[in-house]
PDB file of N, CA and C in Angstrom:
ATOM      1  N   UNK A   1     124.135  18.574 -53.573  1.00  0.00           N
ATOM      2  CA  UNK A   1     124.793  17.723 -52.637  1.00  0.00           C
ATOM      3  C   UNK A   1     125.847  16.975 -53.450  1.00  0.00           C
ATOM      4  N   UNK A   2     127.029  16.827 -52.814  1.00  0.00           N
ATOM      5  CA  UNK A   2     128.083  16.035 -53.471  1.00  0.00           C
ATOM      6  C   UNK A   2     128.410  14.865 -52.561  1.00  0.00           C
ATOM      7  N   UNK A   3     129.382  14.077 -53.024  1.00  0.00           N
ATOM      8  CA  UNK A   3     129.726  12.777 -52.370  1.00  0.00           C
ATOM      9  C   UNK A   3     130.296  13.008 -50.960  1.00  0.00           C
ATOM     10  N   UNK A   4     130.900  14.148 -50.753  1.00  0.00           N
ATOM     11  CA  UNK A   4     131.508  14.484 -49.421  1.00  0.00           C
ATOM     12  C   UNK A   4     130.632  15.124 -48.458  1.00  0.00           C
ATOM     13  N   UNK A   5     129.377  15.627 -48.864  1.00  0.00           N
ATOM     14  CA  UNK A   5     128.452  16.305 -47.980  1.00  0.00           C
ATOM     15  C   UNK A   5     127.791  15.306 -47.051  1.00  0.00           C
ATOM     16  N   UNK A   6     127.790  15.706 -45.728  1.00  0.00           N
ATOM     17  CA  UNK A   6     127.059  14.803 -44.749  1.00  0.00           C
ATOM     18  C   UNK A   6     125.560  14.791 -45.009  1.00  0.00           C
ATOM     19  N   UNK A   7     124.891  13.771 -44.585  1.00  0.00           N
ATOM     20  CA  UNK A   7     123.479  13.651 -44.773  1.00  0.00           C
ATOM     21  C   UNK A   7     122.815  12.913 -43.553  1.00  0.00           C
ATOM     22  N   UNK A   8     121.652  13.351 -43.217  1.00  0.00           N
ATOM     23  CA  UNK A   8     120.934  12.733 -42.134  1.00  0.00           C
ATOM     24  C   UNK A   8     119.824  11.754 -42.660  1.00  0.00           C
ATOM     25  N   UNK A   9     119.795  11.645 -44.004  1.00  0.00           N
ATOM     26  CA  UNK A   9     118.808  10.718 -44.635  1.00  0.00           C
ATOM     27  C   UNK A   9     119.294   9.240 -44.372  1.00  0.00           C
ATOM     28  N   UNK A  10     118.316   8.431 -43.907  1.00  0.00           N
ATOM     29  CA  UNK A  10     118.674   7.050 -43.815  1.00  0.00           C
ATOM     30  C   UNK A  10     118.004   6.324 -44.978  1.00  0.00           C
ATOM     31  N   UNK A  11     118.633   5.282 -45.423  1.00  0.00           N
ATOM     32  CA  UNK A  11     118.181   4.515 -46.570  1.00  0.00           C
ATOM     33  C   UNK A  11     118.556   3.048 -46.421  1.00  0.00           C
ATOM     34  N   UNK A  12     117.805   2.169 -47.110  1.00  0.00           N
ATOM     35  CA  UNK A  12     118.089   0.737 -47.182  1.00  0.00           C
ATOM     36  C   UNK A  12     118.463   0.423 -48.622  1.00  0.00           C
ATOM     37  N   UNK A  13     119.351  -0.539 -48.700  1.00  0.00           N
ATOM     38  CA  UNK A  13     119.857  -0.979 -49.955  1.00  0.00           C
ATOM     39  C   UNK A  13     119.650  -2.491 -50.139  1.00  0.00           C
ATOM     40  N   UNK A  14     119.033  -2.896 -51.216  1.00  0.00           N
ATOM     41  CA  UNK A  14     118.948  -4.308 -51.537  1.00  0.00           C
ATOM     42  C   UNK A  14     119.520  -4.596 -52.917  1.00  0.00           C
ATOM     43  N   UNK A  15     120.231  -5.686 -53.067  1.00  0.00           N
ATOM     44  CA  UNK A  15     120.851  -6.009 -54.339  1.00  0.00           C
ATOM     45  C   UNK A  15     120.493  -7.511 -54.623  1.00  0.00           C
ATOM     46  N   UNK A  16     120.050  -7.788 -55.832  1.00  0.00           N
ATOM     47  CA  UNK A  16     119.744  -9.237 -56.133  1.00  0.00           C
ATOM     48  C   UNK A  16     119.364  -9.403 -57.626  1.00  0.00           C
ATOM     49  N   UNK A  17     119.281 -10.628 -58.008  1.00  0.00           N
ATOM     50  CA  UNK A  17     118.925 -10.927 -59.388  1.00  0.00           C
ATOM     51  C   UNK A  17     117.369 -10.821 -59.590  1.00  0.00           C
ATOM     52  N   UNK A  18     116.952 -10.515 -60.763  1.00  0.00           N
ATOM     53  CA  UNK A  18     115.525 -10.479 -61.101  1.00  0.00           C
ATOM     54  C   UNK A  18     115.246 -11.663 -61.885  1.00  0.00           C
ATOM     55  N   UNK A  19     113.888 -11.915 -62.082  1.00  0.00           N
ATOM     56  CA  UNK A  19     113.406 -13.026 -62.921  1.00  0.00           C
ATOM     57  C   UNK A  19     113.718 -12.820 -64.318  1.00  0.00           C
ATOM     58  N   UNK A  20     114.045 -11.637 -64.793  1.00  0.00           N
ATOM     59  CA  UNK A  20     114.302 -11.259 -66.107  1.00  0.00           C
ATOM     60  C   UNK A  20     115.814 -11.348 -66.492  1.00  0.00           C
ATOM     61  N   UNK A  21     116.624 -11.877 -65.535  1.00  0.00           N
ATOM     62  CA  UNK A  21     118.066 -12.016 -65.781  1.00  0.00           C
ATOM     63  C   UNK A  21     118.815 -10.700 -65.607  1.00  0.00           C
ATOM     64  N   UNK A  22     118.284  -9.751 -64.905  1.00  0.00           N
ATOM     65  CA  UNK A  22     118.950  -8.505 -64.595  1.00  0.00           C
ATOM     66  C   UNK A  22     119.383  -8.498 -63.124  1.00  0.00           C
ATOM     67  N   UNK A  23     120.191  -7.557 -62.796  1.00  0.00           N
ATOM     68  CA  UNK A  23     120.578  -7.330 -61.420  1.00  0.00           C
ATOM     69  C   UNK A  23     119.896  -6.051 -61.003  1.00  0.00           C
ATOM     70  N   UNK A  24     119.164  -6.139 -59.877  1.00  0.00           N
ATOM     71  CA  UNK A  24     118.505  -4.943 -59.356  1.00  0.00           C
ATOM     72  C   UNK A  24     119.117  -4.377 -58.098  1.00  0.00           C
ATOM     73  N   UNK A  25     119.355  -3.150 -58.167  1.00  0.00           N
ATOM     74  CA  UNK A  25     119.738  -2.362 -56.957  1.00  0.00           C
ATOM     75  C   UNK A  25     118.494  -1.615 -56.538  1.00  0.00           C
ATOM     76  N   UNK A  26     117.941  -1.852 -55.294  1.00  0.00           N
ATOM     77  CA  UNK A  26     116.728  -1.235 -54.905  1.00  0.00           C
ATOM     78  C   UNK A  26     117.014  -0.460 -53.687  1.00  0.00           C
ATOM     79  N   UNK A  27     116.737   0.832 -53.778  1.00  0.00           N
ATOM     80  CA  UNK A  27     117.010   1.782 -52.624  1.00  0.00           C
ATOM     81  C   UNK A  27     115.616   2.316 -52.142  1.00  0.00           C
ATOM     82  N   UNK A  28     115.473   2.208 -50.781  1.00  0.00           N
ATOM     83  CA  UNK A  28     114.300   2.936 -50.141  1.00  0.00           C
ATOM     84  C   UNK A  28     114.853   3.929 -49.171  1.00  0.00           C
ATOM     85  N   UNK A  29     114.231   4.992 -49.071  1.00  0.00           N
ATOM     86  CA  UNK A  29     114.724   6.116 -48.243  1.00  0.00           C
ATOM     87  C   UNK A  29     113.591   6.714 -47.494  1.00  0.00           C
ATOM     88  N   UNK A  30     113.974   7.539 -46.445  1.00  0.00           N
ATOM     89  CA  UNK A  30     113.011   8.323 -45.689  1.00  0.00           C
ATOM     90  C   UNK A  30     111.985   8.956 -46.589  1.00  0.00           C
ATOM     91  N   UNK A  31     110.754   9.004 -46.167  1.00  0.00           N
ATOM     92  CA  UNK A  31     109.727   9.766 -46.978  1.00  0.00           C
ATOM     93  C   UNK A  31     109.044   8.949 -48.064  1.00  0.00           C
ATOM     94  N   UNK A  32     109.337   7.605 -47.988  1.00  0.00           N
ATOM     95  CA  UNK A  32     108.610   6.717 -48.960  1.00  0.00           C
ATOM     96  C   UNK A  32     109.272   6.718 -50.227  1.00  0.00           C
ATOM     97  N   UNK A  33     110.561   7.119 -50.387  1.00  0.00           N
ATOM     98  CA  UNK A  33     111.219   7.182 -51.679  1.00  0.00           C
ATOM     99  C   UNK A  33     111.625   5.744 -51.973  1.00  0.00           C
ATOM    100  N   UNK A  34     111.369   5.246 -53.193  1.00  0.00           N
ATOM    101  CA  UNK A  34     111.782   3.934 -53.716  1.00  0.00           C
ATOM    102  C   UNK A  34     112.477   4.093 -55.093  1.00  0.00           C
ATOM    103  N   UNK A  35     113.670   3.599 -55.206  1.00  0.00           N
ATOM    104  CA  UNK A  35     114.471   3.682 -56.471  1.00  0.00           C
ATOM    105  C   UNK A  35     114.883   2.362 -56.895  1.00  0.00           C
ATOM    106  N   UNK A  36     114.157   1.651 -57.846  1.00  0.00           N
ATOM    107  CA  UNK A  36     114.619   0.411 -58.389  1.00  0.00           C
ATOM    108  C   UNK A  36     115.472   0.660 -59.584  1.00  0.00           C
ATOM    109  N   UNK A  37     116.703   0.058 -59.645  1.00  0.00           N
ATOM    110  CA  UNK A  37     117.599   0.324 -60.780  1.00  0.00           C
ATOM    111  C   UNK A  37     117.962  -1.105 -61.287  1.00  0.00           C
ATOM    112  N   UNK A  38     117.748  -1.354 -62.554  1.00  0.00           N
ATOM    113  CA  UNK A  38     118.011  -2.712 -63.113  1.00  0.00           C
ATOM    114  C   UNK A  38     119.186  -2.551 -64.046  1.00  0.00           C
ATOM    115  N   UNK A  39     120.165  -3.499 -64.027  1.00  0.00           N
ATOM    116  CA  UNK A  39     121.361  -3.451 -64.806  1.00  0.00           C
ATOM    117  C   UNK A  39     121.538  -4.874 -65.349  1.00  0.00           C
ATOM    118  N   UNK A  40     122.082  -4.885 -66.661  1.00  0.00           N
ATOM    119  CA  UNK A  40     122.392  -6.179 -67.138  1.00  0.00           C
ATOM    120  C   UNK A  40     123.644  -6.771 -66.348  1.00  0.00           C
ATOM    121  N   UNK A  41     123.961  -8.002 -66.439  1.00  0.00           N
ATOM    122  CA  UNK A  41     125.047  -8.592 -65.506  1.00  0.00           C
ATOM    123  C   UNK A  41     126.422  -7.894 -65.816  1.00  0.00           C
ATOM    124  N   UNK A  42     126.732  -7.460 -67.003  1.00  0.00           N
ATOM    125  CA  UNK A  42     127.987  -6.834 -67.309  1.00  0.00           C
ATOM    126  C   UNK A  42     128.082  -5.492 -66.714  1.00  0.00           C
ATOM    127  N   UNK A  43     126.969  -4.758 -66.772  1.00  0.00           N
ATOM    128  CA  UNK A  43     126.953  -3.417 -66.108  1.00  0.00           C
ATOM    129  C   UNK A  43     127.050  -3.518 -64.552  1.00  0.00           C
ATOM    130  N   UNK A  44     126.400  -4.593 -64.024  1.00  0.00           N
ATOM    131  CA  UNK A  44     126.498  -4.869 -62.618  1.00  0.00           C
ATOM    132  C   UNK A  44     127.873  -5.149 -62.202  1.00  0.00           C
ATOM    133  N   UNK A  45     128.677  -5.908 -63.012  1.00  0.00           N
ATOM    134  CA  UNK A  45     130.040  -6.220 -62.645  1.00  0.00           C
ATOM    135  C   UNK A  45     130.835  -4.923 -62.725  1.00  0.00           C
ATOM    136  N   UNK A  46     130.603  -4.116 -63.706  1.00  0.00           N
ATOM    137  CA  UNK A  46     131.343  -2.809 -63.764  1.00  0.00           C
ATOM    138  C   UNK A  46     131.079  -1.951 -62.484  1.00  0.00           C
ATOM    139  N   UNK A  47     129.822  -1.903 -62.077  1.00  0.00           N
ATOM    140  CA  UNK A  47     129.433  -1.208 -60.812  1.00  0.00           C
ATOM    141  C   UNK A  47     130.285  -1.794 -59.581  1.00  0.00           C
ATOM    142  N   UNK A  48     130.264  -3.171 -59.561  1.00  0.00           N
ATOM    143  CA  UNK A  48     131.006  -3.786 -58.486  1.00  0.00           C
ATOM    144  C   UNK A  48     132.442  -3.450 -58.427  1.00  0.00           C
ATOM    145  N   UNK A  49     133.055  -3.368 -59.670  1.00  0.00           N
ATOM    146  CA  UNK A  49     134.494  -2.964 -59.747  1.00  0.00           C
ATOM    147  C   UNK A  49     134.683  -1.537 -59.260  1.00  0.00           C
ATOM    148  N   UNK A  50     133.735  -0.682 -59.589  1.00  0.00           N
ATOM    149  CA  UNK A  50     133.830   0.781 -59.100  1.00  0.00           C
ATOM    150  C   UNK A  50     133.733   0.835 -57.612  1.00  0.00           C
ATOM    151  N   UNK A  51     132.833  -0.014 -56.996  1.00  0.00           N
ATOM    152  CA  UNK A  51     132.678  -0.025 -55.545  1.00  0.00           C
ATOM    153  C   UNK A  51     133.897  -0.602 -54.892  1.00  0.00           C
ATOM    154  N   UNK A  52     134.487  -1.706 -55.485  1.00  0.00           N
ATOM    155  CA  UNK A  52     135.769  -2.130 -54.892  1.00  0.00           C
ATOM    156  C   UNK A  52     136.877  -1.172 -54.941  1.00  0.00           C
ATOM    157  N   UNK A  53     137.001  -0.461 -56.062  1.00  0.00           N
ATOM    158  CA  UNK A  53     138.037   0.571 -56.242  1.00  0.00           C
ATOM    159  C   UNK A  53     137.821   1.630 -55.246  1.00  0.00           C
ATOM    160  N   UNK A  54     136.600   2.173 -55.047  1.00  0.00           N
ATOM    161  CA  UNK A  54     136.344   3.140 -54.040  1.00  0.00           C
ATOM    162  C   UNK A  54     136.676   2.714 -52.652  1.00  0.00           C
ATOM    163  N   UNK A  55     136.377   1.519 -52.359  1.00  0.00           N
ATOM    164  CA  UNK A  55     136.666   0.896 -51.001  1.00  0.00           C
ATOM    165  C   UNK A  55     138.207   0.849 -50.794  1.00  0.00           C
ATOM    166  N   UNK A  56     138.874   0.434 -51.783  1.00  0.00           N
ATOM    167  CA  UNK A  56     140.320   0.381 -51.697  1.00  0.00           C
ATOM    168  C   UNK A  56     140.893   1.799 -51.507  1.00  0.00           C
ATOM    169  N   UNK A  57     140.424   2.716 -52.203  1.00  0.00           N
ATOM    170  CA  UNK A  57     140.920   4.148 -52.042  1.00  0.00           C
ATOM    171  C   UNK A  57     140.521   4.641 -50.651  1.00  0.00           C
ATOM    172  N   UNK A  58     139.313   4.328 -50.154  1.00  0.00           N
ATOM    173  CA  UNK A  58     138.889   4.789 -48.812  1.00  0.00           C
ATOM    174  C   UNK A  58     139.719   4.247 -47.718  1.00  0.00           C
ATOM    175  N   UNK A  59     140.345   3.060 -47.936  1.00  0.00           N
ATOM    176  CA  UNK A  59     141.253   2.411 -46.904  1.00  0.00           C
ATOM    177  C   UNK A  59     142.579   3.073 -46.723  1.00  0.00           C
ATOM    178  N   UNK A  60     143.009   3.879 -47.811  1.00  0.00           N
ATOM    179  CA  UNK A  60     144.243   4.533 -47.707  1.00  0.00           C
ATOM    180  C   UNK A  60     144.215   5.678 -46.668  1.00  0.00           C
ATOM    181  N   UNK A  61     145.321   5.862 -45.952  1.00  0.00           N
ATOM    182  CA  UNK A  61     145.357   6.897 -44.931  1.00  0.00           C
ATOM    183  C   UNK A  61     145.132   8.204 -45.602  1.00  0.00           C
ATOM    184  N   UNK A  62     144.342   9.086 -44.875  1.00  0.00           N
ATOM    185  CA  UNK A  62     144.058  10.448 -45.292  1.00  0.00           C
ATOM    186  C   UNK A  62     145.231  11.390 -45.026  1.00  0.00           C
ATOM    187  N   UNK A  63     145.698  12.060 -46.053  1.00  0.00           N
ATOM    188  CA  UNK A  63     146.807  12.986 -45.874  1.00  0.00           C
ATOM    189  C   UNK A  63     146.264  14.277 -45.243  1.00  0.00           C
ATOM    190  N   UNK A  64     146.952  14.807 -44.203  1.00  0.00           N
ATOM    191  CA  UNK A  64     146.494  16.002 -43.584  1.00  0.00           C
ATOM    192  C   UNK A  64     146.879  17.207 -44.388  1.00  0.00           C
ATOM    193  N   UNK A  65     145.996  18.177 -44.500  1.00  0.00           N
ATOM    194  CA  UNK A  65     146.361  19.383 -45.135  1.00  0.00           C
ATOM    195  C   UNK A  65     147.184  20.269 -44.248  1.00  0.00           C
ATOM    196  N   UNK A  66     148.114  21.030 -44.833  1.00  0.00           N
ATOM    197  CA  UNK A  66     148.977  21.872 -43.997  1.00  0.00           C
ATOM    198  C   UNK A  66     148.416  23.257 -44.059  1.00  0.00           C
TER     199      UNK A  66
END
């Protein structure tokens, strides 16, 4: 599966600080899948920058193929 493939899987995303000073991204999905991912604050900021860049790119008009 790639980033552009459609999916019928539903998931929930939670993001927050942990007691250990980390940032946790916690994903739960259909079928009882749970994925906790902990990042130090600097890594979390890098991820946030990547998300912002992807959002900015997604806002640009899509060029139609000829």
